PDB file of N, CA and C in Angstrom:
ATOM      1  N   UNK A   1      17.738  58.235  35.826  1.00  0.00           N
ATOM      2  CA  UNK A   1      17.369  59.534  36.337  1.00  0.00           C
ATOM      3  C   UNK A   1      18.493  60.518  36.014  1.00  0.00           C
ATOM      4  N   UNK A   2      18.089  61.706  35.599  1.00  0.00           N
ATOM      5  CA  UNK A   2      19.069  62.736  35.239  1.00  0.00           C
ATOM      6  C   UNK A   2      18.839  63.972  36.109  1.00  0.00           C
ATOM      7  N   UNK A   3      19.883  64.367  36.832  1.00  0.00           N
ATOM      8  CA  UNK A   3      19.856  65.587  37.642  1.00  0.00           C
ATOM      9  C   UNK A   3      20.650  66.654  36.914  1.00  0.00           C
ATOM     10  N   UNK A   4      20.035  67.805  36.707  1.00  0.00           N
ATOM     11  CA  UNK A   4      20.713  68.932  36.078  1.00  0.00           C
ATOM     12  C   UNK A   4      20.684  70.099  37.056  1.00  0.00           C
ATOM     13  N   UNK A   5      21.846  70.631  37.363  1.00  0.00           N
ATOM     14  CA  UNK A   5      21.952  71.756  38.290  1.00  0.00           C
ATOM     15  C   UNK A   5      22.368  72.995  37.510  1.00  0.00           C
ATOM     16  N   UNK A   6      21.528  74.019  37.556  1.00  0.00           N
ATOM     17  CA  UNK A   6      21.793  75.298  36.899  1.00  0.00           C
ATOM     18  C   UNK A   6      22.093  76.306  37.995  1.00  0.00           C
ATOM     19  N   UNK A   7      23.271  76.916  37.923  1.00  0.00           N
ATOM     20  CA  UNK A   7      23.682  77.811  38.999  1.00  0.00           C
ATOM     21  C   UNK A   7      24.413  79.026  38.452  1.00  0.00           C
ATOM     22  N   UNK A   8      24.398  80.070  39.254  1.00  0.00           N
ATOM     23  CA  UNK A   8      25.095  81.292  38.857  1.00  0.00           C
ATOM     24  C   UNK A   8      26.595  81.152  39.066  1.00  0.00           C
ATOM     25  N   UNK A   9      26.980  80.645  40.237  1.00  0.00           N
ATOM     26  CA  UNK A   9      28.391  80.471  40.577  1.00  0.00           C
ATOM     27  C   UNK A   9      28.590  79.074  41.149  1.00  0.00           C
ATOM     28  N   UNK A  10      29.358  78.227  40.488  1.00  0.00           N
ATOM     29  CA  UNK A  10      29.515  76.852  40.960  1.00  0.00           C
ATOM     30  C   UNK A  10      30.166  76.737  42.328  1.00  0.00           C
ATOM     31  N   UNK A  11      30.985  77.692  42.702  1.00  0.00           N
ATOM     32  CA  UNK A  11      31.659  77.605  44.000  1.00  0.00           C
ATOM     33  C   UNK A  11      30.691  77.800  45.166  1.00  0.00           C
ATOM     34  N   UNK A  12      29.494  78.268  44.914  1.00  0.00           N
ATOM     35  CA  UNK A  12      28.518  78.483  45.986  1.00  0.00           C
ATOM     36  C   UNK A  12      27.839  77.190  46.435  1.00  0.00           C
ATOM     37  N   UNK A  13      28.004  76.125  45.682  1.00  0.00           N
ATOM     38  CA  UNK A  13      27.288  74.877  45.963  1.00  0.00           C
ATOM     39  C   UNK A  13      27.751  74.188  47.228  1.00  0.00           C
ATOM     40  N   UNK A  14      28.970  74.363  47.613  1.00  0.00           N
ATOM     41  CA  UNK A  14      29.495  73.639  48.764  1.00  0.00           C
ATOM     42  C   UNK A  14      30.201  72.374  48.315  1.00  0.00           C
ATOM     43  N   UNK A  15      31.141  71.942  49.103  1.00  0.00           N
ATOM     44  CA  UNK A  15      32.009  70.826  48.729  1.00  0.00           C
ATOM     45  C   UNK A  15      31.271  69.504  48.595  1.00  0.00           C
ATOM     46  N   UNK A  16      30.351  69.224  49.494  1.00  0.00           N
ATOM     47  CA  UNK A  16      29.683  67.921  49.467  1.00  0.00           C
ATOM     48  C   UNK A  16      28.833  67.769  48.216  1.00  0.00           C
ATOM     49  N   UNK A  17      28.019  68.773  47.900  1.00  0.00           N
ATOM     50  CA  UNK A  17      27.188  68.706  46.702  1.00  0.00           C
ATOM     51  C   UNK A  17      28.063  68.617  45.459  1.00  0.00           C
ATOM     52  N   UNK A  18      29.131  69.370  45.419  1.00  0.00           N
ATOM     53  CA  UNK A  18      30.058  69.314  44.286  1.00  0.00           C
ATOM     54  C   UNK A  18      30.627  67.914  44.120  1.00  0.00           C
ATOM     55  N   UNK A  19      30.962  67.251  45.217  1.00  0.00           N
ATOM     56  CA  UNK A  19      31.512  65.897  45.157  1.00  0.00           C
ATOM     57  C   UNK A  19      30.480  64.901  44.646  1.00  0.00           C
ATOM     58  N   UNK A  20      29.232  65.041  45.076  1.00  0.00           N
ATOM     59  CA  UNK A  20      28.178  64.140  44.600  1.00  0.00           C
ATOM     60  C   UNK A  20      28.011  64.292  43.098  1.00  0.00           C
ATOM     61  N   UNK A  21      27.918  65.529  42.622  1.00  0.00           N
ATOM     62  CA  UNK A  21      27.737  65.748  41.188  1.00  0.00           C
ATOM     63  C   UNK A  21      28.963  65.294  40.403  1.00  0.00           C
ATOM     64  N   UNK A  22      30.143  65.517  40.915  1.00  0.00           N
ATOM     65  CA  UNK A  22      31.365  65.073  40.242  1.00  0.00           C
ATOM     66  C   UNK A  22      31.418  63.556  40.165  1.00  0.00           C
ATOM     67  N   UNK A  23      31.065  62.888  41.237  1.00  0.00           N
ATOM     68  CA  UNK A  23      31.124  61.423  41.265  1.00  0.00           C
ATOM     69  C   UNK A  23      30.197  60.807  40.224  1.00  0.00           C
ATOM     70  N   UNK A  24      29.004  61.377  40.058  1.00  0.00           N
ATOM     71  CA  UNK A  24      28.049  60.808  39.119  1.00  0.00           C
ATOM     72  C   UNK A  24      28.169  61.392  37.715  1.00  0.00           C
ATOM     73  N   UNK A  25      28.948  62.441  37.515  1.00  0.00           N
ATOM     74  CA  UNK A  25      29.062  63.057  36.194  1.00  0.00           C
ATOM     75  C   UNK A  25      29.762  62.161  35.185  1.00  0.00           C
ATOM     76  N   UNK A  26      30.512  61.191  35.653  1.00  0.00           N
ATOM     77  CA  UNK A  26      31.236  60.294  34.757  1.00  0.00           C
ATOM     78  C   UNK A  26      30.401  59.078  34.351  1.00  0.00           C
ATOM     79  N   UNK A  27      29.174  58.993  34.850  1.00  0.00           N
ATOM     80  CA  UNK A  27      28.313  57.858  34.548  1.00  0.00           C
ATOM     81  C   UNK A  27      27.833  57.940  33.101  1.00  0.00           C
ATOM     82  N   UNK A  28      27.481  56.800  32.550  1.00  0.00           N
ATOM     83  CA  UNK A  28      27.018  56.737  31.170  1.00  0.00           C
ATOM     84  C   UNK A  28      25.503  56.898  31.116  1.00  0.00           C
ATOM     85  N   UNK A  29      24.965  56.977  29.916  1.00  0.00           N
ATOM     86  CA  UNK A  29      23.521  57.134  29.759  1.00  0.00           C
ATOM     87  C   UNK A  29      22.751  55.933  30.282  1.00  0.00           C
ATOM     88  N   UNK A  30      23.392  54.777  30.388  1.00  0.00           N
ATOM     89  CA  UNK A  30      22.730  53.583  30.902  1.00  0.00           C
ATOM     90  C   UNK A  30      22.732  53.548  32.427  1.00  0.00           C
ATOM     91  N   UNK A  31      23.444  54.444  33.063  1.00  0.00           N
ATOM     92  CA  UNK A  31      23.570  54.454  34.516  1.00  0.00           C
ATOM     93  C   UNK A  31      22.254  54.849  35.174  1.00  0.00           C
ATOM     94  N   UNK A  32      22.108  54.416  36.417  1.00  0.00           N
ATOM     95  CA  UNK A  32      20.907  54.722  37.190  1.00  0.00           C
ATOM     96  C   UNK A  32      20.766  56.220  37.451  1.00  0.00           C
ATOM     97  N   UNK A  33      21.892  56.894  37.652  1.00  0.00           N
ATOM     98  CA  UNK A  33      21.867  58.321  37.962  1.00  0.00           C
ATOM     99  C   UNK A  33      22.931  59.040  37.148  1.00  0.00           C
ATOM    100  N   UNK A  34      22.504  60.090  36.461  1.00  0.00           N
ATOM    101  CA  UNK A  34      23.420  60.946  35.708  1.00  0.00           C
ATOM    102  C   UNK A  34      23.291  62.362  36.262  1.00  0.00           C
ATOM    103  N   UNK A  35      24.400  63.072  36.333  1.00  0.00           N
ATOM    104  CA  UNK A  35      24.355  64.455  36.802  1.00  0.00           C
ATOM    105  C   UNK A  35      25.124  65.358  35.852  1.00  0.00           C
ATOM    106  N   UNK A  36      24.671  66.587  35.781  1.00  0.00           N
ATOM    107  CA  UNK A  36      25.376  67.595  34.998  1.00  0.00           C
ATOM    108  C   UNK A  36      25.143  68.946  35.672  1.00  0.00           C
ATOM    109  N   UNK A  37      26.182  69.767  35.660  1.00  0.00           N
ATOM    110  CA  UNK A  37      26.099  71.110  36.242  1.00  0.00           C
ATOM    111  C   UNK A  37      26.374  72.138  35.160  1.00  0.00           C
ATOM    112  N   UNK A  38      25.603  73.212  35.187  1.00  0.00           N
ATOM    113  CA  UNK A  38      25.814  74.326  34.276  1.00  0.00           C
ATOM    114  C   UNK A  38      25.926  75.598  35.110  1.00  0.00           C
ATOM    115  N   UNK A  39      26.884  76.447  34.745  1.00  0.00           N
ATOM    116  CA  UNK A  39      26.937  77.742  35.423  1.00  0.00           C
ATOM    117  C   UNK A  39      26.727  78.851  34.397  1.00  0.00           C
ATOM    118  N   UNK A  40      26.083  79.884  34.855  1.00  0.00           N
ATOM    119  CA  UNK A  40      25.640  80.966  33.981  1.00  0.00           C
ATOM    120  C   UNK A  40      26.785  81.640  33.238  1.00  0.00           C
ATOM    121  N   UNK A  41      27.919  81.804  33.880  1.00  0.00           N
ATOM    122  CA  UNK A  41      29.048  82.491  33.247  1.00  0.00           C
ATOM    123  C   UNK A  41      29.601  81.719  32.051  1.00  0.00           C
ATOM    124  N   UNK A  42      29.667  80.400  32.169  1.00  0.00           N
ATOM    125  CA  UNK A  42      30.268  79.590  31.103  1.00  0.00           C
ATOM    126  C   UNK A  42      29.256  78.990  30.138  1.00  0.00           C
ATOM    127  N   UNK A  43      28.017  78.825  30.570  1.00  0.00           N
ATOM    128  CA  UNK A  43      27.024  78.102  29.774  1.00  0.00           C
ATOM    129  C   UNK A  43      25.770  78.932  29.515  1.00  0.00           C
ATOM    130  N   UNK A  44      25.911  80.222  29.303  1.00  0.00           N
ATOM    131  CA  UNK A  44      24.757  81.119  29.158  1.00  0.00           C
ATOM    132  C   UNK A  44      23.792  80.659  28.071  1.00  0.00           C
ATOM    133  N   UNK A  45      24.305  80.151  26.960  1.00  0.00           N
ATOM    134  CA  UNK A  45      23.439  79.691  25.867  1.00  0.00           C
ATOM    135  C   UNK A  45      22.509  78.571  26.312  1.00  0.00           C
ATOM    136  N   UNK A  46      22.998  77.687  27.162  1.00  0.00           N
ATOM    137  CA  UNK A  46      22.172  76.578  27.646  1.00  0.00           C
ATOM    138  C   UNK A  46      21.013  77.122  28.479  1.00  0.00           C
ATOM    139  N   UNK A  47      21.272  78.118  29.316  1.00  0.00           N
ATOM    140  CA  UNK A  47      20.226  78.729  30.133  1.00  0.00           C
ATOM    141  C   UNK A  47      19.165  79.379  29.240  1.00  0.00           C
ATOM    142  N   UNK A  48      19.612  80.074  28.210  1.00  0.00           N
ATOM    143  CA  UNK A  48      18.702  80.787  27.316  1.00  0.00           C
ATOM    144  C   UNK A  48      17.851  79.822  26.504  1.00  0.00           C
ATOM    145  N   UNK A  49      18.439  78.734  26.043  1.00  0.00           N
ATOM    146  CA  UNK A  49      17.738  77.828  25.137  1.00  0.00           C
ATOM    147  C   UNK A  49      16.971  76.703  25.825  1.00  0.00           C
ATOM    148  N   UNK A  50      17.120  76.551  27.120  1.00  0.00           N
ATOM    149  CA  UNK A  50      16.344  75.523  27.827  1.00  0.00           C
ATOM    150  C   UNK A  50      15.023  76.166  28.254  1.00  0.00           C
ATOM    151  N   UNK A  51      13.892  75.718  27.696  1.00  0.00           N
ATOM    152  CA  UNK A  51      12.623  76.411  27.955  1.00  0.00           C
ATOM    153  C   UNK A  51      12.224  76.457  29.435  1.00  0.00           C
ATOM    154  N   UNK A  52      12.440  75.391  30.176  1.00  0.00           N
ATOM    155  CA  UNK A  52      12.053  75.357  31.591  1.00  0.00           C
ATOM    156  C   UNK A  52      12.915  76.323  32.401  1.00  0.00           C
ATOM    157  N   UNK A  53      14.217  76.286  32.166  1.00  0.00           N
ATOM    158  CA  UNK A  53      15.148  77.143  32.899  1.00  0.00           C
ATOM    159  C   UNK A  53      14.915  78.606  32.536  1.00  0.00           C
ATOM    160  N   UNK A  54      14.793  78.885  31.259  1.00  0.00           N
ATOM    161  CA  UNK A  54      14.568  80.255  30.798  1.00  0.00           C
ATOM    162  C   UNK A  54      13.288  80.828  31.392  1.00  0.00           C
ATOM    163  N   UNK A  55      12.217  80.050  31.368  1.00  0.00           N
ATOM    164  CA  UNK A  55      10.940  80.516  31.904  1.00  0.00           C
ATOM    165  C   UNK A  55      11.033  80.785  33.411  1.00  0.00           C
ATOM    166  N   UNK A  56      11.687  79.898  34.147  1.00  0.00           N
ATOM    167  CA  UNK A  56      11.841  80.090  35.593  1.00  0.00           C
ATOM    168  C   UNK A  56      12.629  81.360  35.890  1.00  0.00           C
ATOM    169  N   UNK A  57      13.679  81.596  35.122  1.00  0.00           N
ATOM    170  CA  UNK A  57      14.501  82.787  35.344  1.00  0.00           C
ATOM    171  C   UNK A  57      13.740  84.069  35.009  1.00  0.00           C
ATOM    172  N   UNK A  58      12.851  84.003  34.029  1.00  0.00           N
ATOM    173  CA  UNK A  58      12.062  85.183  33.683  1.00  0.00           C
ATOM    174  C   UNK A  58      10.996  85.471  34.735  1.00  0.00           C
ATOM    175  N   UNK A  59      10.455  84.413  35.349  1.00  0.00           N
ATOM    176  CA  UNK A  59       9.379  84.582  36.330  1.00  0.00           C
ATOM    177  C   UNK A  59       9.890  84.950  37.716  1.00  0.00           C
ATOM    178  N   UNK A  60      11.068  84.454  38.078  1.00  0.00           N
ATOM    179  CA  UNK A  60      11.588  84.663  39.426  1.00  0.00           C
ATOM    180  C   UNK A  60      12.909  85.406  39.383  1.00  0.00           C
ATOM    181  N   UNK A  61      13.061  86.375  40.243  1.00  0.00           N
ATOM    182  CA  UNK A  61      14.312  87.123  40.298  1.00  0.00           C
ATOM    183  C   UNK A  61      15.457  86.250  40.804  1.00  0.00           C
ATOM    184  N   UNK A  62      15.172  85.377  41.769  1.00  0.00           N
ATOM    185  CA  UNK A  62      16.204  84.524  42.376  1.00  0.00           C
ATOM    186  C   UNK A  62      15.925  83.052  42.078  1.00  0.00           C
ATOM    187  N   UNK A  63      15.825  82.701  40.802  1.00  0.00           N
ATOM    188  CA  UNK A  63      15.517  81.322  40.417  1.00  0.00           C
ATOM    189  C   UNK A  63      16.716  80.390  40.562  1.00  0.00           C
ATOM    190  N   UNK A  64      17.915  80.943  40.548  1.00  0.00           N
ATOM    191  CA  UNK A  64      19.116  80.113  40.636  1.00  0.00           C
ATOM    192  C   UNK A  64      19.577  80.022  42.081  1.00  0.00           C
ATOM    193  N   UNK A  65      20.085  78.901  42.476  1.00  0.00           N
ATOM    194  CA  UNK A  65      20.266  77.670  41.716  1.00  0.00           C
ATOM    195  C   UNK A  65      18.931  76.961  41.482  1.00  0.00           C
ATOM    196  N   UNK A  66      18.895  76.213  40.417  1.00  0.00           N
ATOM    197  CA  UNK A  66      17.703  75.490  40.016  1.00  0.00           C
ATOM    198  C   UNK A  66      18.120  74.069  39.664  1.00  0.00           C
ATOM    199  N   UNK A  67      17.383  73.081  40.164  1.00  0.00           N
ATOM    200  CA  UNK A  67      17.712  71.698  39.831  1.00  0.00           C
ATOM    201  C   UNK A  67      16.533  71.042  39.132  1.00  0.00           C
ATOM    202  N   UNK A  68      16.833  70.445  37.986  1.00  0.00           N
ATOM    203  CA  UNK A  68      15.848  69.672  37.247  1.00  0.00           C
ATOM    204  C   UNK A  68      16.115  68.194  37.472  1.00  0.00           C
ATOM    205  N   UNK A  69      15.048  67.438  37.610  1.00  0.00           N
ATOM    206  CA  UNK A  69      15.142  65.981  37.660  1.00  0.00           C
ATOM    207  C   UNK A  69      14.309  65.468  36.500  1.00  0.00           C
ATOM    208  N   UNK A  70      14.979  64.817  35.569  1.00  0.00           N
ATOM    209  CA  UNK A  70      14.328  64.330  34.351  1.00  0.00           C
ATOM    210  C   UNK A  70      13.499  65.431  33.684  1.00  0.00           C
ATOM    211  N   UNK A  71      14.058  66.640  33.652  1.00  0.00           N
ATOM    212  CA  UNK A  71      13.439  67.751  32.950  1.00  0.00           C
ATOM    213  C   UNK A  71      12.432  68.563  33.738  1.00  0.00           C
ATOM    214  N   UNK A  72      12.128  68.172  34.981  1.00  0.00           N
ATOM    215  CA  UNK A  72      11.154  68.898  35.793  1.00  0.00           C
ATOM    216  C   UNK A  72      11.841  69.576  36.970  1.00  0.00           C
ATOM    217  N   UNK A  73      11.379  70.772  37.318  1.00  0.00           N
ATOM    218  CA  UNK A  73      11.968  71.515  38.429  1.00  0.00           C
ATOM    219  C   UNK A  73      11.701  70.792  39.743  1.00  0.00           C
ATOM    220  N   UNK A  74      12.774  70.548  40.487  1.00  0.00           N
ATOM    221  CA  UNK A  74      12.653  69.935  41.809  1.00  0.00           C
ATOM    222  C   UNK A  74      13.051  70.908  42.912  1.00  0.00           C
ATOM    223  N   UNK A  75      14.057  71.724  42.689  1.00  0.00           N
ATOM    224  CA  UNK A  75      14.406  72.768  43.651  1.00  0.00           C
ATOM    225  C   UNK A  75      14.669  74.048  42.869  1.00  0.00           C
ATOM    226  N   UNK A  76      14.323  75.158  43.491  1.00  0.00           N
ATOM    227  CA  UNK A  76      14.517  76.444  42.836  1.00  0.00           C
ATOM    228  C   UNK A  76      14.874  77.482  43.898  1.00  0.00           C
ATOM    229  N   UNK A  77      15.916  78.246  43.630  1.00  0.00           N
ATOM    230  CA  UNK A  77      16.329  79.301  44.540  1.00  0.00           C
ATOM    231  C   UNK A  77      17.203  78.859  45.696  1.00  0.00           C
ATOM    232  N   UNK A  78      17.490  77.563  45.787  1.00  0.00           N
ATOM    233  CA  UNK A  78      18.342  77.045  46.862  1.00  0.00           C
ATOM    234  C   UNK A  78      18.947  75.719  46.415  1.00  0.00           C
ATOM    235  N   UNK A  79      20.121  75.429  46.932  1.00  0.00           N
ATOM    236  CA  UNK A  79      20.757  74.156  46.617  1.00  0.00           C
ATOM    237  C   UNK A  79      20.087  73.028  47.388  1.00  0.00           C
ATOM    238  N   UNK A  80      19.982  71.853  46.771  1.00  0.00           N
ATOM    239  CA  UNK A  80      19.466  70.703  47.520  1.00  0.00           C
ATOM    240  C   UNK A  80      20.510  70.249  48.536  1.00  0.00           C
ATOM    241  N   UNK A  81      20.051  69.702  49.654  1.00  0.00           N
ATOM    242  CA  UNK A  81      20.993  69.123  50.613  1.00  0.00           C
ATOM    243  C   UNK A  81      20.977  67.600  50.446  1.00  0.00           C
ATOM    244  N   UNK A  82      21.733  66.904  51.266  1.00  0.00           N
ATOM    245  CA  UNK A  82      21.832  65.451  51.133  1.00  0.00           C
ATOM    246  C   UNK A  82      20.471  64.779  51.321  1.00  0.00           C
ATOM    247  N   UNK A  83      19.657  65.290  52.233  1.00  0.00           N
ATOM    248  CA  UNK A  83      18.324  64.725  52.443  1.00  0.00           C
ATOM    249  C   UNK A  83      17.454  64.910  51.206  1.00  0.00           C
ATOM    250  N   UNK A  84      17.537  66.083  50.582  1.00  0.00           N
ATOM    251  CA  UNK A  84      16.793  66.331  49.344  1.00  0.00           C
ATOM    252  C   UNK A  84      17.211  65.344  48.261  1.00  0.00           C
ATOM    253  N   UNK A  85      18.520  65.169  48.090  1.00  0.00           N
ATOM    254  CA  UNK A  85      19.012  64.252  47.060  1.00  0.00           C
ATOM    255  C   UNK A  85      18.569  62.823  47.335  1.00  0.00           C
ATOM    256  N   UNK A  86      18.567  62.420  48.596  1.00  0.00           N
ATOM    257  CA  UNK A  86      18.115  61.073  48.949  1.00  0.00           C
ATOM    258  C   UNK A  86      16.634  60.918  48.621  1.00  0.00           C
ATOM    259  N   UNK A  87      15.831  61.910  48.983  1.00  0.00           N
ATOM    260  CA  UNK A  87      14.397  61.848  48.708  1.00  0.00           C
ATOM    261  C   UNK A  87      14.114  61.828  47.210  1.00  0.00           C
ATOM    262  N   UNK A  88      14.802  62.647  46.465  1.00  0.00           N
ATOM    263  CA  UNK A  88      14.582  62.761  45.024  1.00  0.00           C
ATOM    264  C   UNK A  88      15.008  61.502  44.281  1.00  0.00           C
ATOM    265  N   UNK A  89      16.174  60.972  44.625  1.00  0.00           N
ATOM    266  CA  UNK A  89      16.745  59.858  43.859  1.00  0.00           C
ATOM    267  C   UNK A  89      16.435  58.482  44.428  1.00  0.00           C
ATOM    268  N   UNK A  90      16.119  58.421  45.714  1.00  0.00           N
ATOM    269  CA  UNK A  90      15.939  57.121  46.360  1.00  0.00           C
ATOM    270  C   UNK A  90      17.258  56.484  46.756  1.00  0.00           C
ATOM    271  N   UNK A  91      18.367  57.171  46.493  1.00  0.00           N
ATOM    272  CA  UNK A  91      19.691  56.690  46.876  1.00  0.00           C
ATOM    273  C   UNK A  91      20.079  57.332  48.198  1.00  0.00           C
ATOM    274  N   UNK A  92      20.842  56.621  48.996  1.00  0.00           N
ATOM    275  CA  UNK A  92      21.257  57.151  50.287  1.00  0.00           C
ATOM    276  C   UNK A  92      22.590  57.871  50.139  1.00  0.00           C
ATOM    277  N   UNK A  93      22.595  59.160  50.458  1.00  0.00           N
ATOM    278  CA  UNK A  93      23.812  59.959  50.401  1.00  0.00           C
ATOM    279  C   UNK A  93      24.264  60.263  51.816  1.00  0.00           C
ATOM    280  N   UNK A  94      25.545  60.335  52.000  1.00  0.00           N
ATOM    281  CA  UNK A  94      26.081  60.751  53.291  1.00  0.00           C
ATOM    282  C   UNK A  94      27.204  61.738  53.045  1.00  0.00           C
ATOM    283  N   UNK A  95      27.487  62.535  54.033  1.00  0.00           N
ATOM    284  CA  UNK A  95      28.554  63.521  53.940  1.00  0.00           C
ATOM    285  C   UNK A  95      29.883  62.782  54.018  1.00  0.00           C
ATOM    286  N   UNK A  96      30.579  62.680  52.884  1.00  0.00           N
ATOM    287  CA  UNK A  96      31.805  61.885  52.861  1.00  0.00           C
ATOM    288  C   UNK A  96      32.940  62.554  53.612  1.00  0.00           C
ATOM    289  N   UNK A  97      32.739  63.799  54.044  1.00  0.00           N
ATOM    290  CA  UNK A  97      33.778  64.449  54.840  1.00  0.00           C
ATOM    291  C   UNK A  97      33.817  63.909  56.264  1.00  0.00           C
ATOM    292  N   UNK A  98      32.793  63.156  56.673  1.00  0.00           N
ATOM    293  CA  UNK A  98      32.726  62.703  58.057  1.00  0.00           C
ATOM    294  C   UNK A  98      33.324  61.321  58.249  1.00  0.00           C
ATOM    295  N   UNK A  99      33.863  60.738  57.222  1.00  0.00           N
ATOM    296  CA  UNK A  99      34.458  59.406  57.367  1.00  0.00           C
ATOM    297  C   UNK A  99      35.734  59.342  56.553  1.00  0.00           C
ATOM    298  N   UNK A 100      36.555  58.399  56.874  1.00  0.00           N
ATOM    299  CA  UNK A 100      37.779  58.199  56.105  1.00  0.00           C
ATOM    300  C   UNK A 100      37.468  57.280  54.932  1.00  0.00           C
ATOM    301  N   UNK A 101      37.688  57.753  53.741  1.00  0.00           N
ATOM    302  CA  UNK A 101      37.401  56.968  52.549  1.00  0.00           C
ATOM    303  C   UNK A 101      38.556  56.019  52.257  1.00  0.00           C
ATOM    304  N   UNK A 102      38.213  54.806  51.914  1.00  0.00           N
ATOM    305  CA  UNK A 102      39.211  53.812  51.546  1.00  0.00           C
ATOM    306  C   UNK A 102      39.055  53.360  50.091  1.00  0.00           C
ATOM    307  N   UNK A 103      38.085  53.896  49.400  1.00  0.00           N
ATOM    308  CA  UNK A 103      37.777  53.367  48.070  1.00  0.00           C
ATOM    309  C   UNK A 103      38.729  53.843  46.982  1.00  0.00           C
ATOM    310  N   UNK A 104      39.229  55.040  47.094  1.00  0.00           N
ATOM    311  CA  UNK A 104      40.165  55.540  46.105  1.00  0.00           C
ATOM    312  C   UNK A 104      39.545  56.121  44.854  1.00  0.00           C
ATOM    313  N   UNK A 105      38.204  56.060  44.694  1.00  0.00           N
ATOM    314  CA  UNK A 105      37.655  56.659  43.480  1.00  0.00           C
ATOM    315  C   UNK A 105      36.324  57.380  43.683  1.00  0.00           C
ATOM    316  N   UNK A 106      36.042  57.840  44.875  1.00  0.00           N
ATOM    317  CA  UNK A 106      34.781  58.559  45.099  1.00  0.00           C
ATOM    318  C   UNK A 106      34.953  60.068  44.947  1.00  0.00           C
ATOM    319  N   UNK A 107      36.121  60.510  44.564  1.00  0.00           N
ATOM    320  CA  UNK A 107      36.423  61.931  44.368  1.00  0.00           C
ATOM    321  C   UNK A 107      36.411  62.746  45.656  1.00  0.00           C
ATOM    322  N   UNK A 108      36.531  62.082  46.791  1.00  0.00           N
ATOM    323  CA  UNK A 108      36.533  62.825  48.053  1.00  0.00           C
ATOM    324  C   UNK A 108      37.915  63.371  48.379  1.00  0.00           C
ATOM    325  N   UNK A 109      38.912  62.892  47.694  1.00  0.00           N
ATOM    326  CA  UNK A 109      40.259  63.376  47.932  1.00  0.00           C
ATOM    327  C   UNK A 109      40.980  62.691  49.071  1.00  0.00           C
ATOM    328  N   UNK A 110      40.317  61.729  49.712  1.00  0.00           N
ATOM    329  CA  UNK A 110      40.937  61.032  50.835  1.00  0.00           C
ATOM    330  C   UNK A 110      41.449  59.651  50.461  1.00  0.00           C
ATOM    331  N   UNK A 111      40.926  59.089  49.378  1.00  0.00           N
ATOM    332  CA  UNK A 111      41.269  57.707  49.023  1.00  0.00           C
ATOM    333  C   UNK A 111      42.500  57.596  48.191  1.00  0.00           C
TER     334      UNK A 111
END
């Protein structure tokens, strides 16, 4: 499964969503879940040349943020929350800010 997040400003996503996308961004194509984030300021060409994203932006004034799952729009105009990500992916996500991490590699900054 591939999650693509198209956003105007990456800092608007919030820390938890940013951590989830960062943690899975290092996964390979064989991985169960891959994530990628694009922001309009740095990746404008990608927005213009992606037919689904371009069409959504032309039809809706506030289409961003927009999340595609395997090329199909799953959320538009708002960031997904942890419940949305769990429903979409079938994986259980939790707010890693609420626990002390001991793993050392989840990108939470606590390990």
